[in-house]
């Protein structure tokens, strides 16, 4: 009985380390996102985006989805599933109104096979606007 308890206690101690191993930052994705956001500054995060204002979206591998609305970029770092993001996937978004919100789920469809390959649960949308320069 003591051995079983000791093994269970050891497993509980090891769990945080296992979870941390899964939380690795995707360096390539972060570098691609940083390049996309050069010359822009972050604004206050919003919970929803009106779909009529969205021009297009870009998947950043293992990192984020970037939605373009006019000259602004909205970066969404999913609450769950970001590691599944692949720029070769198609985003399948089912809307239940006129906005895309941080409670929505987006399915990922493999572009080649057209098979479901996963999903992400969206987070808040952080707007990035071009930095205005004083000299003209």
Protein backbone atom coordinates (compact mmCIF):
# COMPACT_ATOMS: atom_id res chain seq x y z
CA UNK A 1 0.00 0.00 0.00
CA UNK A 2 2.84 2.40 0.87
CA UNK A 3 4.50 1.74 -2.51
CA UNK A 4 1.24 2.56 -4.30
CA UNK A 5 0.87 5.81 -2.35
CA UNK A 6 4.50 6.78 -3.03
CA UNK A 7 4.07 6.08 -6.76
CA UNK A 8 0.91 8.19 -6.88
CA UNK A 9 2.59 11.06 -5.04
CA UNK A 10 5.58 10.88 -7.40
CA UNK A 11 3.26 10.98 -10.41
CA UNK A 12 1.55 14.12 -9.07
CA UNK A 13 4.90 15.84 -8.62
CA UNK A 14 5.93 14.91 -12.18
CA UNK A 15 2.71 16.26 -13.76
CA UNK A 16 3.64 19.97 -13.74
CA UNK A 17 6.90 19.17 -15.56
CA UNK A 18 5.02 17.19 -18.18
CA UNK A 19 2.58 20.06 -18.68
CA UNK A 20 5.46 22.52 -19.04
CA UNK A 21 7.02 20.36 -21.76
CA UNK A 22 3.81 20.74 -23.80
CA UNK A 23 3.85 24.55 -23.40
CA UNK A 24 6.92 25.03 -25.61
CA UNK A 25 7.01 28.23 -27.59
CA UNK A 26 7.07 27.77 -31.35
CA UNK A 27 10.16 29.87 -32.15
CA UNK A 28 9.59 29.77 -35.91
CA UNK A 29 5.97 30.85 -35.54
CA UNK A 30 6.87 33.62 -33.09
CA UNK A 31 9.54 34.93 -35.50
CA UNK A 32 7.05 34.91 -38.40
CA UNK A 33 4.47 36.74 -36.27
CA UNK A 34 7.03 39.32 -35.12
CA UNK A 35 7.99 40.00 -38.74
CA UNK A 36 4.32 40.44 -39.69
CA UNK A 37 3.82 42.91 -36.82
CA UNK A 38 6.93 45.05 -37.50
CA UNK A 39 6.07 48.75 -37.42
CA UNK A 40 2.84 48.13 -35.50
CA UNK A 41 1.87 48.57 -31.89
CA UNK A 42 -0.63 46.59 -29.86
CA UNK A 43 -3.92 48.04 -28.72
CA UNK A 44 -6.37 46.88 -26.08
CA UNK A 45 -7.62 43.33 -26.63
CA UNK A 46 -11.23 42.85 -27.71
CA UNK A 47 -13.48 39.85 -27.20
CA UNK A 48 -15.19 39.89 -30.62
CA UNK A 49 -14.64 41.04 -34.21
CA UNK A 50 -17.49 41.93 -36.58
CA UNK A 51 -17.24 39.54 -39.51
CA UNK A 52 -18.30 42.14 -42.09
CA UNK A 53 -15.07 44.06 -41.38
CA UNK A 54 -12.70 41.09 -41.80
CA UNK A 55 -10.73 40.99 -45.05
CA UNK A 56 -8.76 37.75 -44.63
CA UNK A 57 -6.91 35.55 -42.16
CA UNK A 58 -3.43 34.07 -41.92
CA UNK A 59 -2.38 31.03 -39.91
CA UNK A 60 0.96 31.30 -38.13
CA UNK A 61 2.19 27.73 -37.56
CA UNK A 62 1.74 26.57 -33.97
CA UNK A 63 1.22 30.12 -32.74
CA UNK A 64 -1.74 32.28 -33.78
CA UNK A 65 -4.34 33.30 -36.33
CA UNK A 66 -4.03 36.84 -37.70
CA UNK A 67 -7.22 38.48 -38.99
CA UNK A 68 -6.94 41.57 -41.22
CA UNK A 69 -9.53 44.33 -41.00
CA UNK A 70 -8.58 47.28 -43.17
CA UNK A 71 -5.09 48.37 -42.11
CA UNK A 72 -5.36 46.71 -38.67
CA UNK A 73 -4.20 43.22 -37.84
CA UNK A 74 -5.93 41.31 -35.04
CA UNK A 75 -3.83 38.58 -33.47
CA UNK A 76 -5.69 35.69 -31.88
CA UNK A 77 -3.65 33.32 -29.74
CA UNK A 78 -6.04 30.42 -29.17
CA UNK A 79 -6.83 29.41 -25.60
CA UNK A 80 -6.44 25.81 -26.68
CA UNK A 81 -5.07 23.97 -29.71
CA UNK A 82 -2.54 26.55 -30.97
CA UNK A 83 0.06 23.80 -31.41
CA UNK A 84 -2.21 22.26 -34.08
CA UNK A 85 -2.19 25.39 -36.26
CA UNK A 86 -0.63 24.69 -39.65
CA UNK A 87 -0.48 27.27 -42.44
CA UNK A 88 -1.41 24.52 -44.89
CA UNK A 89 -4.78 24.03 -43.15
CA UNK A 90 -8.10 25.66 -44.03
CA UNK A 91 -10.01 27.42 -41.25
CA UNK A 92 -13.63 26.29 -40.97
CA UNK A 93 -15.50 28.78 -38.83
CA UNK A 94 -19.16 28.32 -37.94
CA UNK A 95 -20.68 31.66 -36.99
CA UNK A 96 -23.67 31.99 -34.71
CA UNK A 97 -24.18 35.70 -35.31
CA UNK A 98 -22.41 38.59 -36.97
CA UNK A 99 -19.24 38.40 -34.87
CA UNK A 100 -16.32 36.06 -34.31
CA UNK A 101 -15.71 35.89 -30.55
CA UNK A 102 -13.25 34.52 -28.01
CA UNK A 103 -15.69 31.72 -27.12
CA UNK A 104 -15.84 30.35 -30.67
CA UNK A 105 -14.27 27.15 -31.98
CA UNK A 106 -12.52 26.99 -35.34
CA UNK A 107 -12.05 23.63 -37.07
CA UNK A 108 -8.88 22.91 -39.04
CA UNK A 109 -9.20 21.09 -42.37
CA UNK A 110 -6.17 19.59 -44.11
CA UNK A 111 -5.82 21.33 -47.50
CA UNK A 112 -4.62 18.17 -49.30
CA UNK A 113 -6.94 15.48 -47.99
CA UNK A 114 -9.85 17.77 -47.04
CA UNK A 115 -10.05 15.81 -43.78
CA UNK A 116 -10.62 17.33 -40.34
CA UNK A 117 -7.23 17.75 -38.64
CA UNK A 118 -8.12 19.43 -35.34
CA UNK A 119 -9.59 22.57 -33.83
CA UNK A 120 -8.69 25.63 -31.79
CA UNK A 121 -10.64 27.54 -29.16
CA UNK A 122 -10.18 31.23 -29.83
CA UNK A 123 -8.82 33.72 -27.31
CA UNK A 124 -9.07 37.51 -27.26
CA UNK A 125 -8.21 39.50 -30.37
CA UNK A 126 -5.31 41.93 -29.96
CA UNK A 127 -5.38 44.77 -32.52
CA UNK A 128 -2.11 45.97 -34.06
CA UNK A 129 -2.12 49.31 -35.88
CA UNK A 130 0.68 50.85 -37.89
CA UNK A 131 2.77 53.27 -35.87
CA UNK A 132 2.24 56.81 -37.10
CA UNK A 133 5.42 58.69 -37.85
CA UNK A 134 5.62 62.43 -37.25
CA UNK A 135 7.74 63.26 -40.31
CA UNK A 136 6.02 63.54 -43.68
